[in-house]
């Protein structure tokens, strides 16, 4: 998984990340957006565009937000 969207997305859900993604790998879930790791090309456009700082490279996700990695995995397994 290249990038992960974390908790600041939940109240905001602004979608700037969706607009800038060159490969359309960002999918809307019930409460937040998710980045499809099979389609993501790790360009970083989503991270730069996020107005609330919710997007991180997987290795840089803060430990307090690490459960969002598993949440994203589960989202795409159930899709």
PDB file of N, CA and C in Angstrom:
ATOM      1  N   UNK A   1       0.855  -1.179   0.000  1.00  0.00           N
ATOM      2  CA  UNK A   1       0.000   0.000   0.000  1.00  0.00           C
ATOM      3  C   UNK A   1       0.893   1.231   0.000  1.00  0.00           C
ATOM      4  N   UNK A   2       0.731   2.090  -0.945  1.00  0.00           N
ATOM      5  CA  UNK A   2       1.604   3.243  -1.088  1.00  0.00           C
ATOM      6  C   UNK A   2       1.197   4.399  -0.186  1.00  0.00           C
ATOM      7  N   UNK A   3      -0.043   4.834  -0.284  1.00  0.00           N
ATOM      8  CA  UNK A   3      -0.535   5.940   0.530  1.00  0.00           C
ATOM      9  C   UNK A   3      -1.774   5.496   1.285  1.00  0.00           C
ATOM     10  N   UNK A   4      -1.977   6.110   2.449  1.00  0.00           N
ATOM     11  CA  UNK A   4      -3.102   5.782   3.319  1.00  0.00           C
ATOM     12  C   UNK A   4      -3.776   7.082   3.734  1.00  0.00           C
ATOM     13  N   UNK A   5      -5.093   7.072   3.740  1.00  0.00           N
ATOM     14  CA  UNK A   5      -5.866   8.229   4.199  1.00  0.00           C
ATOM     15  C   UNK A   5      -6.298   7.960   5.628  1.00  0.00           C
ATOM     16  N   UNK A   6      -6.077   8.934   6.501  1.00  0.00           N
ATOM     17  CA  UNK A   6      -6.291   8.756   7.938  1.00  0.00           C
ATOM     18  C   UNK A   6      -7.457   9.609   8.459  1.00  0.00           C
ATOM     19  N   UNK A   7      -7.589   9.679   9.766  1.00  0.00           N
ATOM     20  CA  UNK A   7      -8.772  10.247  10.427  1.00  0.00           C
ATOM     21  C   UNK A   7      -9.162  11.677  10.060  1.00  0.00           C
ATOM     22  N   UNK A   8      -8.251  12.585   9.750  1.00  0.00           N
ATOM     23  CA  UNK A   8      -8.721  13.932   9.400  1.00  0.00           C
ATOM     24  C   UNK A   8      -9.669  13.960   8.198  1.00  0.00           C
ATOM     25  N   UNK A   9      -9.661  12.906   7.398  1.00  0.00           N
ATOM     26  CA  UNK A   9     -10.566  12.835   6.243  1.00  0.00           C
ATOM     27  C   UNK A   9     -12.018  12.654   6.676  1.00  0.00           C
ATOM     28  N   UNK A  10     -12.240  11.999   7.784  1.00  0.00           N
ATOM     29  CA  UNK A  10     -13.598  11.615   8.168  1.00  0.00           C
ATOM     30  C   UNK A  10     -14.525  12.819   8.314  1.00  0.00           C
ATOM     31  N   UNK A  11     -14.181  13.843   9.077  1.00  0.00           N
ATOM     32  CA  UNK A  11     -15.118  14.974   9.156  1.00  0.00           C
ATOM     33  C   UNK A  11     -15.076  15.879   7.927  1.00  0.00           C
ATOM     34  N   UNK A  12     -13.990  15.844   7.188  1.00  0.00           N
ATOM     35  CA  UNK A  12     -13.797  16.772   6.072  1.00  0.00           C
ATOM     36  C   UNK A  12     -14.317  16.225   4.754  1.00  0.00           C
ATOM     37  N   UNK A  13     -13.775  15.080   4.352  1.00  0.00           N
ATOM     38  CA  UNK A  13     -14.132  14.424   3.085  1.00  0.00           C
ATOM     39  C   UNK A  13     -14.193  15.426   1.937  1.00  0.00           C
ATOM     40  N   UNK A  14     -13.139  16.204   1.788  1.00  0.00           N
ATOM     41  CA  UNK A  14     -13.103  17.321   0.840  1.00  0.00           C
ATOM     42  C   UNK A  14     -12.941  16.901  -0.616  1.00  0.00           C
ATOM     43  N   UNK A  15     -12.295  15.813  -0.894  1.00  0.00           N
ATOM     44  CA  UNK A  15     -12.159  15.226  -2.227  1.00  0.00           C
ATOM     45  C   UNK A  15     -11.151  15.904  -3.147  1.00  0.00           C
ATOM     46  N   UNK A  16     -10.348  16.826  -2.662  1.00  0.00           N
ATOM     47  CA  UNK A  16      -9.300  17.392  -3.511  1.00  0.00           C
ATOM     48  C   UNK A  16      -8.363  16.295  -4.009  1.00  0.00           C
ATOM     49  N   UNK A  17      -8.147  15.290  -3.181  1.00  0.00           N
ATOM     50  CA  UNK A  17      -7.273  14.180  -3.559  1.00  0.00           C
ATOM     51  C   UNK A  17      -7.820  13.442  -4.776  1.00  0.00           C
ATOM     52  N   UNK A  18      -9.113  13.278  -4.818  1.00  0.00           N
ATOM     53  CA  UNK A  18      -9.744  12.587  -5.943  1.00  0.00           C
ATOM     54  C   UNK A  18      -9.518  13.366  -7.234  1.00  0.00           C
ATOM     55  N   UNK A  19      -9.661  14.672  -7.149  1.00  0.00           N
ATOM     56  CA  UNK A  19      -9.533  15.531  -8.322  1.00  0.00           C
ATOM     57  C   UNK A  19      -8.134  15.518  -8.933  1.00  0.00           C
ATOM     58  N   UNK A  20      -7.095  15.330  -8.109  1.00  0.00           N
ATOM     59  CA  UNK A  20      -5.721  15.398  -8.622  1.00  0.00           C
ATOM     60  C   UNK A  20      -5.106  14.044  -8.953  1.00  0.00           C
ATOM     61  N   UNK A  21      -5.752  12.969  -8.576  1.00  0.00           N
ATOM     62  CA  UNK A  21      -5.177  11.636  -8.814  1.00  0.00           C
ATOM     63  C   UNK A  21      -5.143  11.315 -10.308  1.00  0.00           C
ATOM     64  N   UNK A  22      -3.946  11.079 -10.862  1.00  0.00           N
ATOM     65  CA  UNK A  22      -3.848  10.824 -12.306  1.00  0.00           C
ATOM     66  C   UNK A  22      -4.317   9.439 -12.738  1.00  0.00           C
ATOM     67  N   UNK A  23      -4.499   8.521 -11.774  1.00  0.00           N
ATOM     68  CA  UNK A  23      -4.900   7.160 -12.132  1.00  0.00           C
ATOM     69  C   UNK A  23      -6.243   6.753 -11.524  1.00  0.00           C
ATOM     70  N   UNK A  24      -6.963   7.708 -10.974  1.00  0.00           N
ATOM     71  CA  UNK A  24      -8.296   7.448 -10.404  1.00  0.00           C
ATOM     72  C   UNK A  24      -8.301   6.269  -9.429  1.00  0.00           C
ATOM     73  N   UNK A  25      -7.367   6.286  -8.491  1.00  0.00           N
ATOM     74  CA  UNK A  25      -7.288   5.174  -7.546  1.00  0.00           C
ATOM     75  C   UNK A  25      -7.932   5.475  -6.196  1.00  0.00           C
ATOM     76  N   UNK A  26      -8.543   6.655  -6.056  1.00  0.00           N
ATOM     77  CA  UNK A  26      -9.136   7.034  -4.768  1.00  0.00           C
ATOM     78  C   UNK A  26     -10.638   6.812  -4.841  1.00  0.00           C
ATOM     79  N   UNK A  27     -11.120   6.020  -3.883  1.00  0.00           N
ATOM     80  CA  UNK A  27     -12.498   5.566  -3.864  1.00  0.00           C
ATOM     81  C   UNK A  27     -13.192   6.111  -2.617  1.00  0.00           C
ATOM     82  N   UNK A  28     -14.443   6.516  -2.782  1.00  0.00           N
ATOM     83  CA  UNK A  28     -15.202   7.024  -1.643  1.00  0.00           C
ATOM     84  C   UNK A  28     -15.835   5.872  -0.876  1.00  0.00           C
ATOM     85  N   UNK A  29     -15.578   5.853   0.437  1.00  0.00           N
ATOM     86  CA  UNK A  29     -16.222   4.899   1.328  1.00  0.00           C
ATOM     87  C   UNK A  29     -17.340   5.587   2.081  1.00  0.00           C
ATOM     88  N   UNK A  30     -17.939   4.896   3.019  1.00  0.00           N
ATOM     89  CA  UNK A  30     -19.041   5.465   3.783  1.00  0.00           C
ATOM     90  C   UNK A  30     -18.639   6.698   4.570  1.00  0.00           C
ATOM     91  N   UNK A  31     -17.474   6.652   5.205  1.00  0.00           N
ATOM     92  CA  UNK A  31     -17.087   7.758   6.079  1.00  0.00           C
ATOM     93  C   UNK A  31     -15.799   8.466   5.666  1.00  0.00           C
ATOM     94  N   UNK A  32     -15.098   7.947   4.663  1.00  0.00           N
ATOM     95  CA  UNK A  32     -13.848   8.545   4.227  1.00  0.00           C
ATOM     96  C   UNK A  32     -13.488   8.030   2.841  1.00  0.00           C
ATOM     97  N   UNK A  33     -12.409   8.574   2.280  1.00  0.00           N
ATOM     98  CA  UNK A  33     -11.875   8.093   1.015  1.00  0.00           C
ATOM     99  C   UNK A  33     -10.778   7.073   1.294  1.00  0.00           C
ATOM    100  N   UNK A  34     -10.557   6.191   0.320  1.00  0.00           N
ATOM    101  CA  UNK A  34      -9.529   5.168   0.415  1.00  0.00           C
ATOM    102  C   UNK A  34      -8.724   5.148  -0.883  1.00  0.00           C
ATOM    103  N   UNK A  35      -7.447   4.831  -0.769  1.00  0.00           N
ATOM    104  CA  UNK A  35      -6.557   4.752  -1.933  1.00  0.00           C
ATOM    105  C   UNK A  35      -6.325   3.283  -2.266  1.00  0.00           C
ATOM    106  N   UNK A  36      -6.678   2.910  -3.488  1.00  0.00           N
ATOM    107  CA  UNK A  36      -6.518   1.528  -3.928  1.00  0.00           C
ATOM    108  C   UNK A  36      -5.034   1.252  -4.163  1.00  0.00           C
ATOM    109  N   UNK A  37      -4.430   0.397  -3.348  1.00  0.00           N
ATOM    110  CA  UNK A  37      -2.991   0.153  -3.469  1.00  0.00           C
ATOM    111  C   UNK A  37      -2.600  -0.552  -4.764  1.00  0.00           C
ATOM    112  N   UNK A  38      -3.542  -1.236  -5.395  1.00  0.00           N
ATOM    113  CA  UNK A  38      -3.235  -1.928  -6.648  1.00  0.00           C
ATOM    114  C   UNK A  38      -3.181  -0.966  -7.833  1.00  0.00           C
ATOM    115  N   UNK A  39      -3.798   0.206  -7.687  1.00  0.00           N
ATOM    116  CA  UNK A  39      -3.809   1.185  -8.774  1.00  0.00           C
ATOM    117  C   UNK A  39      -2.881   2.372  -8.528  1.00  0.00           C
ATOM    118  N   UNK A  40      -2.568   2.650  -7.284  1.00  0.00           N
ATOM    119  CA  UNK A  40      -1.755   3.813  -6.917  1.00  0.00           C
ATOM    120  C   UNK A  40      -0.351   3.708  -7.517  1.00  0.00           C
ATOM    121  N   UNK A  41       0.108   4.812  -8.087  1.00  0.00           N
ATOM    122  CA  UNK A  41       1.454   4.853  -8.676  1.00  0.00           C
ATOM    123  C   UNK A  41       2.435   5.625  -7.787  1.00  0.00           C
ATOM    124  N   UNK A  42       2.026   5.946  -6.570  1.00  0.00           N
ATOM    125  CA  UNK A  42       2.875   6.621  -5.578  1.00  0.00           C
ATOM    126  C   UNK A  42       3.401   7.970  -6.050  1.00  0.00           C
ATOM    127  N   UNK A  43       2.575   8.713  -6.758  1.00  0.00           N
ATOM    128  CA  UNK A  43       3.019  10.010  -7.278  1.00  0.00           C
ATOM    129  C   UNK A  43       3.013  11.103  -6.201  1.00  0.00           C
ATOM    130  N   UNK A  44       2.195  10.932  -5.155  1.00  0.00           N
ATOM    131  CA  UNK A  44       2.152  11.902  -4.076  1.00  0.00           C
ATOM    132  C   UNK A  44       1.233  13.089  -4.302  1.00  0.00           C
ATOM    133  N   UNK A  45       0.539  13.132  -5.424  1.00  0.00           N
ATOM    134  CA  UNK A  45      -0.360  14.262  -5.704  1.00  0.00           C
ATOM    135  C   UNK A  45      -1.457  14.378  -4.653  1.00  0.00           C
ATOM    136  N   UNK A  46      -1.964  13.265  -4.192  1.00  0.00           N
ATOM    137  CA  UNK A  46      -3.036  13.269  -3.194  1.00  0.00           C
ATOM    138  C   UNK A  46      -2.553  13.857  -1.867  1.00  0.00           C
ATOM    139  N   UNK A  47      -1.352  13.497  -1.480  1.00  0.00           N
ATOM    140  CA  UNK A  47      -0.789  13.995  -0.222  1.00  0.00           C
ATOM    141  C   UNK A  47      -0.658  15.512  -0.258  1.00  0.00           C
ATOM    142  N   UNK A  48      -0.167  16.032  -1.358  1.00  0.00           N
ATOM    143  CA  UNK A  48       0.020  17.480  -1.497  1.00  0.00           C
ATOM    144  C   UNK A  48      -1.307  18.225  -1.568  1.00  0.00           C
ATOM    145  N   UNK A  49      -2.327  17.598  -2.128  1.00  0.00           N
ATOM    146  CA  UNK A  49      -3.613  18.266  -2.332  1.00  0.00           C
ATOM    147  C   UNK A  49      -4.530  18.219  -1.121  1.00  0.00           C
ATOM    148  N   UNK A  50      -4.294  17.330  -0.188  1.00  0.00           N
ATOM    149  CA  UNK A  50      -5.206  17.162   0.951  1.00  0.00           C
ATOM    150  C   UNK A  50      -5.187  18.393   1.853  1.00  0.00           C
ATOM    151  N   UNK A  51      -6.338  19.057   2.006  1.00  0.00           N
ATOM    152  CA  UNK A  51      -6.373  20.284   2.805  1.00  0.00           C
ATOM    153  C   UNK A  51      -6.280  20.062   4.318  1.00  0.00           C
ATOM    154  N   UNK A  52      -6.443  18.807   4.751  1.00  0.00           N
ATOM    155  CA  UNK A  52      -6.416  18.534   6.190  1.00  0.00           C
ATOM    156  C   UNK A  52      -5.265  17.630   6.610  1.00  0.00           C
ATOM    157  N   UNK A  53      -4.363  17.320   5.687  1.00  0.00           N
ATOM    158  CA  UNK A  53      -3.193  16.502   6.028  1.00  0.00           C
ATOM    159  C   UNK A  53      -3.534  15.083   6.417  1.00  0.00           C
ATOM    160  N   UNK A  54      -4.519  14.501   5.748  1.00  0.00           N
ATOM    161  CA  UNK A  54      -4.956  13.147   6.087  1.00  0.00           C
ATOM    162  C   UNK A  54      -4.212  12.049   5.333  1.00  0.00           C
ATOM    163  N   UNK A  55      -3.436  12.407   4.318  1.00  0.00           N
ATOM    164  CA  UNK A  55      -2.787  11.410   3.462  1.00  0.00           C
ATOM    165  C   UNK A  55      -1.312  11.270   3.832  1.00  0.00           C
ATOM    166  N   UNK A  56      -0.910  10.009   4.025  1.00  0.00           N
ATOM    167  CA  UNK A  56       0.479   9.705   4.372  1.00  0.00           C
ATOM    168  C   UNK A  56       0.958   8.530   3.552  1.00  0.00           C
ATOM    169  N   UNK A  57       2.269   8.507   3.273  1.00  0.00           N
ATOM    170  CA  UNK A  57       2.859   7.271   2.769  1.00  0.00           C
ATOM    171  C   UNK A  57       2.718   6.248   3.883  1.00  0.00           C
ATOM    172  N   UNK A  58       2.504   5.003   3.509  1.00  0.00           N
ATOM    173  CA  UNK A  58       2.242   3.977   4.515  1.00  0.00           C
ATOM    174  C   UNK A  58       3.289   3.957   5.627  1.00  0.00           C
ATOM    175  N   UNK A  59       4.551   4.071   5.289  1.00  0.00           N
ATOM    176  CA  UNK A  59       5.618   4.025   6.291  1.00  0.00           C
ATOM    177  C   UNK A  59       5.642   5.262   7.187  1.00  0.00           C
ATOM    178  N   UNK A  60       4.944   6.326   6.795  1.00  0.00           N
ATOM    179  CA  UNK A  60       4.935   7.568   7.561  1.00  0.00           C
ATOM    180  C   UNK A  60       3.647   7.803   8.339  1.00  0.00           C
ATOM    181  N   UNK A  61       2.728   6.850   8.298  1.00  0.00           N
ATOM    182  CA  UNK A  61       1.478   7.006   9.050  1.00  0.00           C
ATOM    183  C   UNK A  61       1.827   7.075  10.535  1.00  0.00           C
ATOM    184  N   UNK A  62       1.354   8.119  11.234  1.00  0.00           N
ATOM    185  CA  UNK A  62       1.632   8.205  12.676  1.00  0.00           C
ATOM    186  C   UNK A  62       1.111   6.969  13.407  1.00  0.00           C
ATOM    187  N   UNK A  63       1.808   6.561  14.442  1.00  0.00           N
ATOM    188  CA  UNK A  63       1.415   5.338  15.151  1.00  0.00           C
ATOM    189  C   UNK A  63      -0.017   5.423  15.680  1.00  0.00           C
ATOM    190  N   UNK A  64      -0.451   6.615  16.054  1.00  0.00           N
ATOM    191  CA  UNK A  64      -1.820   6.769  16.550  1.00  0.00           C
ATOM    192  C   UNK A  64      -2.865   6.585  15.449  1.00  0.00           C
ATOM    193  N   UNK A  65      -2.435   6.605  14.193  1.00  0.00           N
ATOM    194  CA  UNK A  65      -3.331   6.458  13.048  1.00  0.00           C
ATOM    195  C   UNK A  65      -3.102   5.133  12.316  1.00  0.00           C
ATOM    196  N   UNK A  66      -2.246   4.275  12.842  1.00  0.00           N
ATOM    197  CA  UNK A  66      -1.854   3.065  12.123  1.00  0.00           C
ATOM    198  C   UNK A  66      -3.019   2.123  11.838  1.00  0.00           C
ATOM    199  N   UNK A  67      -4.080   2.178  12.610  1.00  0.00           N
ATOM    200  CA  UNK A  67      -5.226   1.303  12.343  1.00  0.00           C
ATOM    201  C   UNK A  67      -5.922   1.658  11.026  1.00  0.00           C
ATOM    202  N   UNK A  68      -5.629   2.835  10.470  1.00  0.00           N
ATOM    203  CA  UNK A  68      -6.201   3.200   9.171  1.00  0.00           C
ATOM    204  C   UNK A  68      -5.568   2.407   8.028  1.00  0.00           C
ATOM    205  N   UNK A  69      -4.396   1.859   8.245  1.00  0.00           N
ATOM    206  CA  UNK A  69      -3.784   0.970   7.257  1.00  0.00           C
ATOM    207  C   UNK A  69      -4.648  -0.279   7.137  1.00  0.00           C
ATOM    208  N   UNK A  70      -4.969  -0.878   8.253  1.00  0.00           N
ATOM    209  CA  UNK A  70      -5.813  -2.082   8.259  1.00  0.00           C
ATOM    210  C   UNK A  70      -7.219  -1.767   7.764  1.00  0.00           C
ATOM    211  N   UNK A  71      -7.733  -0.609   8.105  1.00  0.00           N
ATOM    212  CA  UNK A  71      -9.068  -0.206   7.643  1.00  0.00           C
ATOM    213  C   UNK A  71      -9.093  -0.144   6.111  1.00  0.00           C
ATOM    214  N   UNK A  72      -8.050   0.375   5.516  1.00  0.00           N
ATOM    215  CA  UNK A  72      -7.969   0.456   4.052  1.00  0.00           C
ATOM    216  C   UNK A  72      -7.863  -0.932   3.437  1.00  0.00           C
ATOM    217  N   UNK A  73      -7.055  -1.796   4.039  1.00  0.00           N
ATOM    218  CA  UNK A  73      -6.915  -3.164   3.543  1.00  0.00           C
ATOM    219  C   UNK A  73      -8.277  -3.852   3.567  1.00  0.00           C
ATOM    220  N   UNK A  74      -8.982  -3.723   4.670  1.00  0.00           N
ATOM    221  CA  UNK A  74     -10.302  -4.343   4.809  1.00  0.00           C
ATOM    222  C   UNK A  74     -11.304  -3.776   3.801  1.00  0.00           C
ATOM    223  N   UNK A  75     -11.230  -2.464   3.556  1.00  0.00           N
ATOM    224  CA  UNK A  75     -12.144  -1.826   2.599  1.00  0.00           C
ATOM    225  C   UNK A  75     -12.009  -2.475   1.222  1.00  0.00           C
ATOM    226  N   UNK A  76     -10.779  -2.664   0.766  1.00  0.00           N
ATOM    227  CA  UNK A  76     -10.582  -3.227  -0.566  1.00  0.00           C
ATOM    228  C   UNK A  76     -10.774  -4.738  -0.615  1.00  0.00           C
ATOM    229  N   UNK A  77     -10.599  -5.440   0.499  1.00  0.00           N
ATOM    230  CA  UNK A  77     -10.885  -6.857   0.527  1.00  0.00           C
ATOM    231  C   UNK A  77     -12.384  -7.115   0.436  1.00  0.00           C
ATOM    232  N   UNK A  78     -13.162  -6.201   0.993  1.00  0.00           N
ATOM    233  CA  UNK A  78     -14.610  -6.340   1.002  1.00  0.00           C
ATOM    234  C   UNK A  78     -15.283  -5.708  -0.208  1.00  0.00           C
ATOM    235  N   UNK A  79     -14.502  -5.044  -1.042  1.00  0.00           N
ATOM    236  CA  UNK A  79     -15.081  -4.341  -2.203  1.00  0.00           C
ATOM    237  C   UNK A  79     -15.501  -5.307  -3.291  1.00  0.00           C
TER     238      UNK A  79
END
